[in-house]
Amino acid sequence: MEETPKSGMKLYSYWKSTCACRVRIALNLKGLKYEYKAVDLLKGEHHSPEFSELNPLGFVPVLVDEDIVLADSFAILMYMEEKYPERPLLPQELQRRAINYQAANIVSSSIQPHQNLTLLNYIEEKLGAEEMYLWAQNQIKKGFSALEKLLSNHAGRYATGDDIALADVFLAPQTDAAIKTYNINMDEFPLLKRLNHMYGETPAFQDAMPEKQPDSPDNVK
């Protein structure tokens, strides 16, 4: 697929952020070029006055597209879907489209917020590192169980059929983090395990993964 030249598009991102990874995947799938602007969450750069002008909540990602500034991965992805319809992320068929919204929402509302860095730091401070880790694992498994059931009658090569769609954009970063950060045994979730294997064979997904980003510790000199 030929890339669409896009001058001036910037993505404020943190290498390990699953929310930012969703947007990186979508940008890759749509062939959109962008400038990567690293925001180091561990150093508190998301609390700087400069970044607060872009997103007062202080979260990544933030997309700047010419004179438009958008925060929140779901809002960014919906904006991209409308402005850059090349390689659509939403199926035309109404039920399949609704399943994509539901799967994406399970990840964005029922899993990811429970492993947010701010929340986990608070749990660790109050209850200790072990309780923090167990909390994250439990919430991920609960969400994954729901996704297994939801997608069981809709999956094809990918989450909701034979084409990559919005649900896959949300699932890939979450599954990657579950395995690498929280040591989730994916044998408990055979459908999600199979889908994760498919993502591993798709360049648009793999090029967006944390270890490939310029601010990954492996790439910072």
N, C-alpha and C. Protein backbone atom coordinates (compact mmCIF):
# COMPACT_ATOMS: atom_id res chain seq x y z
N MET A 1 0.85 -1.20 0.00
CA MET A 1 0.00 0.00 0.00
C MET A 1 0.88 1.24 0.00
N GLU A 2 0.58 2.16 -0.87
CA GLU A 2 1.37 3.39 -0.97
C GLU A 2 1.08 4.30 0.19
N GLU A 3 2.13 4.85 0.77
CA GLU A 3 1.95 5.73 1.91
C GLU A 3 1.39 7.09 1.47
N THR A 4 0.53 7.63 2.31
CA THR A 4 -0.01 8.96 2.06
C THR A 4 0.89 9.99 2.72
N PRO A 5 1.57 10.86 1.96
CA PRO A 5 2.43 11.86 2.59
C PRO A 5 1.59 12.79 3.46
N LYS A 6 2.09 13.07 4.64
CA LYS A 6 1.34 13.95 5.55
C LYS A 6 2.32 14.78 6.34
N SER A 7 2.53 15.99 5.90
CA SER A 7 3.46 16.84 6.62
C SER A 7 2.76 17.47 7.81
N GLY A 8 3.49 17.59 8.90
CA GLY A 8 2.95 18.28 10.05
C GLY A 8 2.21 17.41 11.04
N MET A 9 1.95 16.14 10.72
CA MET A 9 1.28 15.27 11.68
C MET A 9 2.28 14.81 12.74
N LYS A 10 1.90 14.99 14.00
CA LYS A 10 2.76 14.62 15.11
C LYS A 10 2.00 13.73 16.08
N LEU A 11 2.69 12.71 16.60
CA LEU A 11 2.09 11.85 17.62
C LEU A 11 2.93 11.93 18.88
N TYR A 12 2.35 12.44 19.95
CA TYR A 12 3.00 12.46 21.26
C TYR A 12 2.72 11.12 21.92
N SER A 13 3.80 10.41 22.21
CA SER A 13 3.67 9.00 22.57
C SER A 13 4.69 8.61 23.62
N TYR A 14 4.40 7.54 24.33
CA TYR A 14 5.36 6.89 25.23
C TYR A 14 5.49 5.46 24.76
N TRP A 15 6.68 4.97 24.66
CA TRP A 15 6.94 3.69 24.01
C TRP A 15 6.11 2.54 24.56
N LYS A 16 5.87 2.54 25.88
CA LYS A 16 5.21 1.40 26.51
C LYS A 16 3.71 1.59 26.66
N SER A 17 3.19 2.71 26.27
CA SER A 17 1.76 3.00 26.41
C SER A 17 0.94 2.17 25.42
N THR A 18 0.02 1.36 25.93
CA THR A 18 -0.85 0.58 25.03
C THR A 18 -1.81 1.51 24.30
N CYS A 19 -2.22 2.60 24.93
CA CYS A 19 -3.12 3.54 24.27
C CYS A 19 -2.44 4.19 23.08
N ALA A 20 -1.19 4.59 23.25
CA ALA A 20 -0.44 5.19 22.14
C ALA A 20 -0.16 4.16 21.05
N CYS A 21 0.05 2.92 21.46
CA CYS A 21 0.32 1.86 20.49
C CYS A 21 -0.87 1.65 19.56
N ARG A 22 -2.08 1.78 20.08
CA ARG A 22 -3.27 1.66 19.22
C ARG A 22 -3.19 2.66 18.07
N VAL A 23 -2.84 3.88 18.39
CA VAL A 23 -2.79 4.92 17.37
C VAL A 23 -1.65 4.67 16.40
N ARG A 24 -0.52 4.20 16.91
CA ARG A 24 0.60 3.88 16.02
C ARG A 24 0.21 2.79 15.01
N ILE A 25 -0.52 1.79 15.48
CA ILE A 25 -0.97 0.73 14.58
C ILE A 25 -1.88 1.30 13.49
N ALA A 26 -2.85 2.11 13.90
CA ALA A 26 -3.79 2.68 12.94
C ALA A 26 -3.08 3.56 11.91
N LEU A 27 -2.14 4.36 12.37
CA LEU A 27 -1.37 5.20 11.44
C LEU A 27 -0.62 4.33 10.44
N ASN A 28 -0.04 3.23 10.90
CA ASN A 28 0.67 2.32 10.01
C ASN A 28 -0.29 1.68 9.01
N LEU A 29 -1.44 1.21 9.49
CA LEU A 29 -2.41 0.56 8.62
C LEU A 29 -2.90 1.50 7.53
N LYS A 30 -3.08 2.76 7.88
CA LYS A 30 -3.59 3.75 6.92
C LYS A 30 -2.48 4.38 6.08
N GLY A 31 -1.23 3.99 6.35
CA GLY A 31 -0.12 4.51 5.56
C GLY A 31 0.14 5.98 5.77
N LEU A 32 -0.10 6.47 6.98
CA LEU A 32 0.09 7.89 7.27
C LEU A 32 1.43 8.13 7.94
N LYS A 33 2.20 9.03 7.40
CA LYS A 33 3.48 9.39 7.99
C LYS A 33 3.26 10.38 9.14
N TYR A 34 4.12 10.29 10.14
CA TYR A 34 3.98 11.20 11.28
C TYR A 34 5.33 11.35 11.97
N GLU A 35 5.44 12.44 12.71
CA GLU A 35 6.63 12.68 13.53
C GLU A 35 6.37 12.15 14.94
N TYR A 36 7.27 11.32 15.42
CA TYR A 36 7.13 10.73 16.75
C TYR A 36 7.72 11.69 17.78
N LYS A 37 6.88 12.09 18.74
CA LYS A 37 7.31 13.00 19.81
C LYS A 37 7.24 12.23 21.13
N ALA A 38 8.39 11.86 21.65
CA ALA A 38 8.44 11.05 22.87
C ALA A 38 8.09 11.88 24.10
N VAL A 39 7.25 11.31 24.96
CA VAL A 39 6.89 11.90 26.24
C VAL A 39 7.23 10.88 27.32
N ASP A 40 8.24 11.16 28.12
CA ASP A 40 8.71 10.21 29.13
C ASP A 40 7.82 10.30 30.37
N LEU A 41 6.95 9.31 30.54
CA LEU A 41 6.03 9.32 31.68
C LEU A 41 6.77 9.12 33.00
N LEU A 42 7.83 8.34 32.98
CA LEU A 42 8.57 8.07 34.22
C LEU A 42 9.29 9.32 34.72
N LYS A 43 9.63 10.22 33.81
CA LYS A 43 10.27 11.47 34.19
C LYS A 43 9.25 12.59 34.44
N GLY A 44 7.98 12.27 34.27
CA GLY A 44 6.94 13.26 34.52
C GLY A 44 6.76 14.29 33.44
N GLU A 45 7.24 14.01 32.24
CA GLU A 45 7.13 15.00 31.16
C GLU A 45 5.68 15.27 30.76
N HIS A 46 4.78 14.35 31.10
CA HIS A 46 3.37 14.55 30.78
C HIS A 46 2.71 15.59 31.70
N HIS A 47 3.43 15.99 32.76
CA HIS A 47 2.91 17.02 33.65
C HIS A 47 3.48 18.41 33.34
N SER A 48 4.29 18.50 32.31
CA SER A 48 4.92 19.78 31.97
C SER A 48 3.87 20.76 31.45
N PRO A 49 4.10 22.06 31.63
CA PRO A 49 3.16 23.06 31.10
C PRO A 49 2.95 22.93 29.59
N GLU A 50 4.03 22.58 28.87
CA GLU A 50 3.92 22.46 27.42
C GLU A 50 2.96 21.34 27.03
N PHE A 51 3.10 20.18 27.71
CA PHE A 51 2.22 19.06 27.36
C PHE A 51 0.80 19.30 27.86
N SER A 52 0.66 19.97 28.99
CA SER A 52 -0.68 20.26 29.52
C SER A 52 -1.49 21.15 28.58
N GLU A 53 -0.79 21.94 27.76
CA GLU A 53 -1.49 22.73 26.76
C GLU A 53 -2.12 21.84 25.71
N LEU A 54 -1.49 20.70 25.44
CA LEU A 54 -2.02 19.76 24.46
C LEU A 54 -3.11 18.88 25.06
N ASN A 55 -2.89 18.41 26.28
CA ASN A 55 -3.87 17.57 26.96
C ASN A 55 -3.85 17.88 28.45
N PRO A 56 -4.82 18.62 28.95
CA PRO A 56 -4.84 18.99 30.37
C PRO A 56 -4.88 17.79 31.31
N LEU A 57 -5.37 16.63 30.84
CA LEU A 57 -5.37 15.43 31.67
C LEU A 57 -3.97 14.85 31.84
N GLY A 58 -3.08 15.19 30.93
CA GLY A 58 -1.72 14.71 31.04
C GLY A 58 -1.50 13.29 30.60
N PHE A 59 -2.34 12.78 29.70
CA PHE A 59 -2.19 11.42 29.20
C PHE A 59 -1.70 11.43 27.77
N VAL A 60 -0.97 10.37 27.39
CA VAL A 60 -0.68 10.10 25.98
C VAL A 60 -1.68 9.04 25.52
N PRO A 61 -1.98 9.03 24.22
CA PRO A 61 -1.37 9.80 23.13
C PRO A 61 -2.08 11.13 22.90
N VAL A 62 -1.37 11.99 22.17
CA VAL A 62 -1.95 13.20 21.61
C VAL A 62 -1.54 13.25 20.15
N LEU A 63 -2.52 13.49 19.28
CA LEU A 63 -2.25 13.62 17.86
C LEU A 63 -2.45 15.07 17.45
N VAL A 64 -1.45 15.62 16.77
CA VAL A 64 -1.57 16.97 16.20
C VAL A 64 -1.55 16.82 14.69
N ASP A 65 -2.65 17.18 14.07
CA ASP A 65 -2.80 17.08 12.62
C ASP A 65 -3.13 18.47 12.08
N GLU A 66 -2.09 19.14 11.58
CA GLU A 66 -2.20 20.53 11.15
C GLU A 66 -2.71 21.38 12.32
N ASP A 67 -3.92 21.93 12.26
CA ASP A 67 -4.38 22.80 13.34
C ASP A 67 -5.31 22.08 14.31
N ILE A 68 -5.40 20.76 14.18
CA ILE A 68 -6.28 19.97 15.05
C ILE A 68 -5.44 19.23 16.09
N VAL A 69 -5.83 19.36 17.36
CA VAL A 69 -5.14 18.67 18.46
C VAL A 69 -6.16 17.76 19.14
N LEU A 70 -5.83 16.47 19.21
CA LEU A 70 -6.74 15.49 19.79
C LEU A 70 -6.02 14.61 20.79
N ALA A 71 -6.65 14.40 21.94
CA ALA A 71 -6.16 13.44 22.92
C ALA A 71 -7.20 12.34 23.07
N ASP A 72 -6.78 11.21 23.68
CA ASP A 72 -7.60 10.03 23.89
C ASP A 72 -7.58 9.17 22.62
N SER A 73 -7.13 7.93 22.77
CA SER A 73 -6.92 7.08 21.61
C SER A 73 -8.22 6.81 20.85
N PHE A 74 -9.33 6.61 21.57
CA PHE A 74 -10.59 6.33 20.88
C PHE A 74 -11.00 7.52 20.01
N ALA A 75 -10.92 8.72 20.57
CA ALA A 75 -11.27 9.92 19.80
C ALA A 75 -10.35 10.09 18.60
N ILE A 76 -9.07 9.83 18.79
CA ILE A 76 -8.10 9.96 17.70
C ILE A 76 -8.43 8.97 16.59
N LEU A 77 -8.73 7.73 16.96
CA LEU A 77 -9.00 6.71 15.95
C LEU A 77 -10.28 7.00 15.18
N MET A 78 -11.31 7.51 15.85
CA MET A 78 -12.54 7.86 15.15
C MET A 78 -12.32 9.05 14.21
N TYR A 79 -11.51 10.00 14.64
CA TYR A 79 -11.16 11.13 13.78
C TYR A 79 -10.42 10.64 12.54
N MET A 80 -9.44 9.78 12.75
CA MET A 80 -8.66 9.27 11.63
C MET A 80 -9.54 8.48 10.66
N GLU A 81 -10.48 7.72 11.21
CA GLU A 81 -11.36 6.91 10.37
C GLU A 81 -12.20 7.79 9.45
N GLU A 82 -12.60 8.96 9.94
CA GLU A 82 -13.42 9.85 9.13
C GLU A 82 -12.60 10.69 8.17
N LYS A 83 -11.45 11.18 8.64
CA LYS A 83 -10.65 12.06 7.77
C LYS A 83 -9.82 11.28 6.77
N TYR A 84 -9.37 10.11 7.16
CA TYR A 84 -8.51 9.29 6.30
C TYR A 84 -9.16 7.92 6.10
N PRO A 85 -10.17 7.85 5.24
CA PRO A 85 -10.94 6.60 5.09
C PRO A 85 -10.19 5.48 4.39
N GLU A 86 -8.98 5.77 3.87
CA GLU A 86 -8.20 4.70 3.26
C GLU A 86 -7.95 3.60 4.29
N ARG A 87 -8.08 2.39 3.87
CA ARG A 87 -7.92 1.22 4.75
C ARG A 87 -8.81 1.37 6.00
N PRO A 88 -10.13 1.27 5.81
CA PRO A 88 -11.05 1.48 6.94
C PRO A 88 -10.86 0.47 8.06
N LEU A 89 -11.09 0.93 9.29
CA LEU A 89 -10.97 0.08 10.47
C LEU A 89 -12.33 -0.44 10.93
N LEU A 90 -13.40 0.09 10.37
CA LEU A 90 -14.74 -0.33 10.77
C LEU A 90 -15.45 -1.01 9.61
N PRO A 91 -16.00 -2.20 9.85
CA PRO A 91 -16.73 -2.91 8.79
C PRO A 91 -18.00 -2.17 8.41
N GLN A 92 -18.48 -2.41 7.21
CA GLN A 92 -19.72 -1.80 6.76
C GLN A 92 -20.93 -2.45 7.42
N GLU A 93 -20.85 -3.76 7.64
CA GLU A 93 -21.98 -4.51 8.20
C GLU A 93 -22.21 -4.07 9.64
N LEU A 94 -23.46 -3.72 9.96
CA LEU A 94 -23.79 -3.05 11.21
C LEU A 94 -23.43 -3.87 12.45
N GLN A 95 -23.81 -5.15 12.48
CA GLN A 95 -23.53 -5.96 13.66
C GLN A 95 -22.02 -6.10 13.89
N ARG A 96 -21.29 -6.35 12.81
CA ARG A 96 -19.84 -6.52 12.95
C ARG A 96 -19.18 -5.22 13.42
N ARG A 97 -19.70 -4.12 12.95
CA ARG A 97 -19.20 -2.82 13.41
C ARG A 97 -19.46 -2.65 14.91
N ALA A 98 -20.66 -3.03 15.35
CA ALA A 98 -21.01 -2.91 16.77
C ALA A 98 -20.14 -3.81 17.64
N ILE A 99 -19.81 -5.01 17.15
CA ILE A 99 -18.94 -5.92 17.90
C ILE A 99 -17.55 -5.30 18.05
N ASN A 100 -17.10 -4.60 17.02
CA ASN A 100 -15.81 -3.91 17.11
C ASN A 100 -15.83 -2.84 18.18
N TYR A 101 -16.91 -2.07 18.22
CA TYR A 101 -17.01 -1.06 19.27
C TYR A 101 -17.00 -1.71 20.65
N GLN A 102 -17.73 -2.81 20.79
CA GLN A 102 -17.83 -3.46 22.09
C GLN A 102 -16.49 -4.03 22.53
N ALA A 103 -15.79 -4.69 21.62
CA ALA A 103 -14.48 -5.27 21.97
C ALA A 103 -13.48 -4.17 22.32
N ALA A 104 -13.48 -3.10 21.53
CA ALA A 104 -12.57 -1.98 21.81
C ALA A 104 -12.88 -1.37 23.16
N ASN A 105 -14.15 -1.28 23.49
CA ASN A 105 -14.54 -0.68 24.76
C ASN A 105 -14.16 -1.55 25.95
N ILE A 106 -14.24 -2.87 25.80
CA ILE A 106 -13.80 -3.75 26.88
C ILE A 106 -12.33 -3.49 27.21
N VAL A 107 -11.52 -3.34 26.16
CA VAL A 107 -10.10 -3.07 26.38
C VAL A 107 -9.90 -1.69 26.99
N SER A 108 -10.54 -0.68 26.40
CA SER A 108 -10.26 0.70 26.80
C SER A 108 -10.91 1.10 28.11
N SER A 109 -12.01 0.43 28.49
CA SER A 109 -12.73 0.82 29.71
C SER A 109 -12.62 -0.19 30.84
N SER A 110 -12.52 -1.47 30.50
CA SER A 110 -12.58 -2.51 31.54
C SER A 110 -11.26 -3.20 31.82
N ILE A 111 -10.25 -2.94 30.99
CA ILE A 111 -8.92 -3.55 31.23
C ILE A 111 -7.87 -2.47 31.44
N GLN A 112 -7.61 -1.67 30.42
CA GLN A 112 -6.48 -0.74 30.47
C GLN A 112 -6.50 0.23 31.64
N PRO A 113 -7.64 0.81 32.02
CA PRO A 113 -7.62 1.73 33.16
C PRO A 113 -7.17 1.08 34.46
N HIS A 114 -7.36 -0.23 34.58
CA HIS A 114 -6.97 -0.94 35.80
C HIS A 114 -5.48 -1.26 35.84
N GLN A 115 -4.78 -1.01 34.73
CA GLN A 115 -3.33 -1.18 34.73
C GLN A 115 -2.64 0.14 34.40
N ASN A 116 -3.39 1.22 34.52
CA ASN A 116 -2.83 2.55 34.33
C ASN A 116 -1.73 2.81 35.36
N LEU A 117 -0.67 3.46 34.91
CA LEU A 117 0.49 3.68 35.77
C LEU A 117 0.13 4.42 37.05
N THR A 118 -0.74 5.41 36.96
CA THR A 118 -1.13 6.18 38.14
C THR A 118 -1.83 5.30 39.17
N LEU A 119 -2.75 4.47 38.72
CA LEU A 119 -3.48 3.58 39.62
C LEU A 119 -2.55 2.54 40.23
N LEU A 120 -1.72 1.93 39.42
CA LEU A 120 -0.83 0.89 39.93
C LEU A 120 0.17 1.45 40.94
N ASN A 121 0.65 2.65 40.68
CA ASN A 121 1.56 3.26 41.66
C ASN A 121 0.85 3.50 42.99
N TYR A 122 -0.41 3.88 42.92
CA TYR A 122 -1.19 4.12 44.14
C TYR A 122 -1.40 2.81 44.91
N ILE A 123 -1.76 1.73 44.20
CA ILE A 123 -1.97 0.44 44.85
C ILE A 123 -0.66 -0.06 45.47
N GLU A 124 0.43 0.10 44.74
CA GLU A 124 1.72 -0.34 45.27
C GLU A 124 2.08 0.44 46.54
N GLU A 125 1.82 1.74 46.53
CA GLU A 125 2.12 2.57 47.70
C GLU A 125 1.30 2.14 48.91
N LYS A 126 0.04 1.81 48.70
CA LYS A 126 -0.85 1.48 49.80
C LYS A 126 -0.76 0.03 50.24
N LEU A 127 -0.58 -0.89 49.26
CA LEU A 127 -0.70 -2.32 49.57
C LEU A 127 0.54 -3.14 49.23
N GLY A 128 1.46 -2.57 48.48
CA GLY A 128 2.67 -3.30 48.15
C GLY A 128 2.68 -3.78 46.71
N ALA A 129 3.87 -4.15 46.25
CA ALA A 129 4.07 -4.52 44.85
C ALA A 129 3.33 -5.79 44.48
N GLU A 130 3.28 -6.76 45.39
CA GLU A 130 2.61 -8.02 45.06
C GLU A 130 1.13 -7.82 44.82
N GLU A 131 0.47 -7.04 45.67
CA GLU A 131 -0.96 -6.78 45.49
C GLU A 131 -1.21 -5.99 44.21
N MET A 132 -0.32 -5.08 43.90
CA MET A 132 -0.45 -4.32 42.67
C MET A 132 -0.42 -5.25 41.46
N TYR A 133 0.52 -6.16 41.46
CA TYR A 133 0.70 -7.10 40.35
C TYR A 133 -0.51 -8.01 40.22
N LEU A 134 -0.99 -8.53 41.35
CA LEU A 134 -2.14 -9.42 41.34
C LEU A 134 -3.40 -8.69 40.87
N TRP A 135 -3.54 -7.44 41.27
CA TRP A 135 -4.68 -6.64 40.83
C TRP A 135 -4.70 -6.54 39.31
N ALA A 136 -3.57 -6.17 38.72
CA ALA A 136 -3.49 -6.02 37.27
C ALA A 136 -3.78 -7.34 36.57
N GLN A 137 -3.19 -8.42 37.04
CA GLN A 137 -3.42 -9.73 36.43
C GLN A 137 -4.89 -10.11 36.48
N ASN A 138 -5.54 -9.89 37.61
CA ASN A 138 -6.93 -10.26 37.76
C ASN A 138 -7.83 -9.48 36.80
N GLN A 139 -7.57 -8.19 36.67
CA GLN A 139 -8.40 -7.36 35.80
C GLN A 139 -8.20 -7.73 34.33
N ILE A 140 -6.97 -8.05 33.95
CA ILE A 140 -6.69 -8.46 32.58
C ILE A 140 -7.40 -9.78 32.27
N LYS A 141 -7.30 -10.74 33.17
CA LYS A 141 -7.93 -12.04 32.93
C LYS A 141 -9.45 -11.91 32.85
N LYS A 142 -10.02 -11.08 33.67
CA LYS A 142 -11.47 -10.85 33.64
C LYS A 142 -11.89 -10.30 32.28
N GLY A 143 -11.15 -9.32 31.79
CA GLY A 143 -11.46 -8.74 30.49
C GLY A 143 -11.22 -9.71 29.35
N PHE A 144 -10.14 -10.47 29.42
CA PHE A 144 -9.83 -11.45 28.38
C PHE A 144 -10.90 -12.54 28.30
N SER A 145 -11.41 -12.96 29.45
CA SER A 145 -12.48 -13.97 29.46
C SER A 145 -13.71 -13.45 28.73
N ALA A 146 -14.04 -12.18 28.97
CA ALA A 146 -15.18 -11.57 28.28
C ALA A 146 -14.94 -11.48 26.78
N LEU A 147 -13.72 -11.13 26.39
CA LEU A 147 -13.40 -11.01 24.97
C LEU A 147 -13.44 -12.36 24.26
N GLU A 148 -12.98 -13.40 24.93
CA GLU A 148 -13.04 -14.75 24.35
C GLU A 148 -14.49 -15.11 24.01
N LYS A 149 -15.40 -14.84 24.93
CA LYS A 149 -16.81 -15.17 24.71
C LYS A 149 -17.42 -14.29 23.63
N LEU A 150 -17.12 -13.01 23.69
CA LEU A 150 -17.69 -12.06 22.73
C LEU A 150 -17.29 -12.39 21.30
N LEU A 151 -16.02 -12.71 21.10
CA LEU A 151 -15.49 -12.87 19.75
C LEU A 151 -15.61 -14.28 19.20
N SER A 152 -16.04 -15.22 20.02
CA SER A 152 -16.04 -16.62 19.61
C SER A 152 -16.88 -16.88 18.36
N ASN A 153 -17.96 -16.13 18.19
CA ASN A 153 -18.85 -16.34 17.04
C ASN A 153 -18.62 -15.34 15.91
N HIS A 154 -17.58 -14.52 16.03
CA HIS A 154 -17.35 -13.47 15.04
C HIS A 154 -15.95 -13.51 14.43
N ALA A 155 -15.01 -14.16 15.08
CA ALA A 155 -13.62 -14.14 14.62
C ALA A 155 -13.44 -14.93 13.34
N GLY A 156 -12.52 -14.44 12.50
CA GLY A 156 -12.05 -15.17 11.34
C GLY A 156 -10.54 -15.22 11.46
N ARG A 157 -9.85 -14.76 10.44
CA ARG A 157 -8.40 -14.62 10.57
C ARG A 157 -8.05 -13.62 11.67
N TYR A 158 -8.93 -12.62 11.80
CA TYR A 158 -8.73 -11.59 12.81
C TYR A 158 -9.93 -11.56 13.75
N ALA A 159 -10.01 -10.58 14.60
CA ALA A 159 -10.95 -10.60 15.72
C ALA A 159 -12.41 -10.65 15.31
N THR A 160 -12.77 -9.94 14.23
CA THR A 160 -14.18 -9.89 13.84
C THR A 160 -14.39 -10.28 12.39
N GLY A 161 -13.49 -11.05 11.85
CA GLY A 161 -13.61 -11.50 10.47
C GLY A 161 -12.25 -11.72 9.85
N ASP A 162 -12.20 -11.73 8.53
CA ASP A 162 -10.93 -12.00 7.85
C ASP A 162 -10.14 -10.74 7.54
N ASP A 163 -10.67 -9.58 7.89
CA ASP A 163 -9.97 -8.32 7.69
C ASP A 163 -9.63 -7.69 9.04
N ILE A 164 -8.52 -7.00 9.09
CA ILE A 164 -8.13 -6.26 10.30
C ILE A 164 -9.15 -5.15 10.55
N ALA A 165 -9.56 -5.01 11.79
CA ALA A 165 -10.56 -4.00 12.14
C ALA A 165 -10.20 -3.35 13.48
N LEU A 166 -11.07 -2.46 13.93
CA LEU A 166 -10.81 -1.68 15.14
C LEU A 166 -10.50 -2.56 16.35
N ALA A 167 -11.23 -3.65 16.51
CA ALA A 167 -11.00 -4.53 17.66
C ALA A 167 -9.56 -5.02 17.70
N ASP A 168 -8.99 -5.33 16.55
CA ASP A 168 -7.60 -5.81 16.50
C ASP A 168 -6.63 -4.72 16.94
N VAL A 169 -6.93 -3.48 16.57
CA VAL A 169 -6.06 -2.35 16.93
C VAL A 169 -5.99 -2.20 18.46
N PHE A 170 -7.09 -2.51 19.14
CA PHE A 170 -7.11 -2.44 20.59
C PHE A 170 -6.54 -3.70 21.23
N LEU A 171 -6.81 -4.85 20.63
CA LEU A 171 -6.39 -6.12 21.23
C LEU A 171 -4.88 -6.32 21.19
N ALA A 172 -4.25 -5.96 20.08
CA ALA A 172 -2.83 -6.26 19.92
C ALA A 172 -1.95 -5.66 21.02
N PRO A 173 -2.06 -4.35 21.32
CA PRO A 173 -1.21 -3.80 22.39
C PRO A 173 -1.54 -4.38 23.75
N GLN A 174 -2.84 -4.62 24.01
CA GLN A 174 -3.24 -5.14 25.31
C GLN A 174 -2.71 -6.56 25.53
N THR A 175 -2.78 -7.38 24.50
CA THR A 175 -2.27 -8.75 24.61
C THR A 175 -0.76 -8.75 24.77
N ASP A 176 -0.09 -7.89 24.03
CA ASP A 176 1.37 -7.79 24.12
C ASP A 176 1.80 -7.41 25.53
N ALA A 177 1.11 -6.42 26.12
CA ALA A 177 1.44 -5.99 27.49
C ALA A 177 1.10 -7.07 28.51
N ALA A 178 0.00 -7.78 28.29
CA ALA A 178 -0.40 -8.85 29.21
C ALA A 178 0.67 -9.93 29.30
N ILE A 179 1.25 -10.25 28.16
CA ILE A 179 2.27 -11.31 28.11
C ILE A 179 3.60 -10.81 28.66
N LYS A 180 4.06 -9.67 28.17
CA LYS A 180 5.41 -9.21 28.48
C LYS A 180 5.54 -8.54 29.84
N THR A 181 4.49 -7.87 30.28
CA THR A 181 4.57 -7.12 31.54
C THR A 181 3.93 -7.86 32.70
N TYR A 182 2.83 -8.57 32.42
CA TYR A 182 2.07 -9.18 33.52
C TYR A 182 2.06 -10.70 33.49
N ASN A 183 2.85 -11.27 32.59
CA ASN A 183 3.07 -12.72 32.57
C ASN A 183 1.77 -13.52 32.53
N ILE A 184 0.81 -13.06 31.72
CA ILE A 184 -0.45 -13.77 31.58
C ILE A 184 -0.24 -15.02 30.72
N ASN A 185 -0.75 -16.15 31.19
CA ASN A 185 -0.67 -17.39 30.43
C ASN A 185 -1.78 -17.40 29.38
N MET A 186 -1.41 -17.20 28.14
CA MET A 186 -2.41 -17.07 27.08
C MET A 186 -3.03 -18.41 26.69
N ASP A 187 -2.52 -19.52 27.23
CA ASP A 187 -3.17 -20.80 26.98
C ASP A 187 -4.60 -20.81 27.53
N GLU A 188 -4.87 -19.94 28.50
CA GLU A 188 -6.22 -19.83 29.05
C GLU A 188 -7.17 -19.13 28.08
N PHE A 189 -6.61 -18.49 27.06
CA PHE A 189 -7.41 -17.70 26.13
C PHE A 189 -6.99 -18.05 24.69
N PRO A 190 -7.39 -19.22 24.22
CA PRO A 190 -6.88 -19.73 22.94
C PRO A 190 -7.20 -18.84 21.74
N LEU A 191 -8.36 -18.21 21.73
CA LEU A 191 -8.69 -17.34 20.60
C LEU A 191 -7.78 -16.13 20.59
N LEU A 192 -7.62 -15.48 21.73
CA LEU A 192 -6.75 -14.31 21.80
C LEU A 192 -5.30 -14.68 21.52
N LYS A 193 -4.91 -15.87 21.92
CA LYS A 193 -3.54 -16.33 21.64
C LYS A 193 -3.33 -16.48 20.14
N ARG A 194 -4.32 -17.05 19.45
CA ARG A 194 -4.22 -17.21 18.00
C ARG A 194 -4.18 -15.85 17.31
N LEU A 195 -5.03 -14.94 17.75
CA LEU A 195 -5.03 -13.60 17.16
C LEU A 195 -3.70 -12.90 17.37
N ASN A 196 -3.13 -13.06 18.55
CA ASN A 196 -1.84 -12.44 18.84
C ASN A 196 -0.75 -12.96 17.89
N HIS A 197 -0.85 -14.24 17.55
CA HIS A 197 0.10 -14.81 16.59
C HIS A 197 -0.06 -14.13 15.22
N MET A 198 -1.31 -13.86 14.83
CA MET A 198 -1.55 -13.18 13.56
C MET A 198 -0.98 -11.77 13.58
N TYR A 199 -1.13 -11.07 14.69
CA TYR A 199 -0.58 -9.72 14.79
C TYR A 199 0.95 -9.75 14.65
N GLY A 200 1.54 -10.82 15.18
CA GLY A 200 2.99 -10.95 15.10
C GLY A 200 3.51 -11.15 13.70
N GLU A 201 2.61 -11.48 12.78
CA GLU A 201 3.00 -11.69 11.38
C GLU A 201 2.62 -10.51 10.50
N THR A 202 2.11 -9.45 11.11
CA THR A 202 1.61 -8.30 10.35
C THR A 202 2.49 -7.09 10.63
N PRO A 203 3.24 -6.59 9.64
CA PRO A 203 4.19 -5.49 9.86
C PRO A 203 3.58 -4.25 10.50
N ALA A 204 2.37 -3.87 10.12
CA ALA A 204 1.76 -2.65 10.68
C ALA A 204 1.61 -2.75 12.19
N PHE A 205 1.39 -3.95 12.69
CA PHE A 205 1.29 -4.16 14.14
C PHE A 205 2.69 -4.21 14.76
N GLN A 206 3.56 -5.00 14.18
CA GLN A 206 4.88 -5.20 14.78
C GLN A 206 5.71 -3.93 14.79
N ASP A 207 5.58 -3.10 13.76
CA ASP A 207 6.34 -1.84 13.73
C ASP A 207 5.84 -0.84 14.77
N ALA A 208 4.64 -1.07 15.31
CA ALA A 208 4.08 -0.18 16.32
C ALA A 208 4.35 -0.65 17.75
N MET A 209 4.92 -1.84 17.90
CA MET A 209 5.12 -2.40 19.22
C MET A 209 6.15 -1.61 20.03
N PRO A 210 6.08 -1.68 21.35
CA PRO A 210 6.94 -0.84 22.21
C PRO A 210 8.43 -0.91 21.89
N GLU A 211 8.94 -2.11 21.70
CA GLU A 211 10.39 -2.26 21.52
C GLU A 211 10.90 -1.64 20.23
N LYS A 212 10.00 -1.30 19.29
CA LYS A 212 10.41 -0.71 18.02
C LYS A 212 10.43 0.82 18.07
N GLN A 213 9.98 1.41 19.18
CA GLN A 213 9.85 2.87 19.24
C GLN A 213 11.18 3.54 19.60
N PRO A 214 11.39 4.77 19.12
CA PRO A 214 12.68 5.43 19.36
C PRO A 214 13.00 5.71 20.80
N ASP A 215 11.95 5.79 21.68
CA ASP A 215 12.21 6.04 23.09
C ASP A 215 12.24 4.76 23.93
N SER A 216 12.19 3.60 23.26
CA SER A 216 12.39 2.36 23.99
C SER A 216 13.80 2.33 24.55
N PRO A 217 13.98 1.82 25.79
CA PRO A 217 15.33 1.77 26.36
C PRO A 217 16.34 1.05 25.49
N ASP A 218 15.87 0.10 24.69
CA ASP A 218 16.79 -0.63 23.80
C ASP A 218 17.28 0.23 22.66
N ASN A 219 16.57 1.30 22.37
CA ASN A 219 16.93 2.15 21.21
C ASN A 219 17.51 3.50 21.62
N VAL A 220 17.46 3.81 22.91
CA VAL A 220 18.00 5.09 23.38
C VAL A 220 19.47 4.92 23.70
N LYS A 221 20.28 5.72 23.08
CA LYS A 221 21.73 5.62 23.30
C LYS A 221 22.15 6.55 24.44
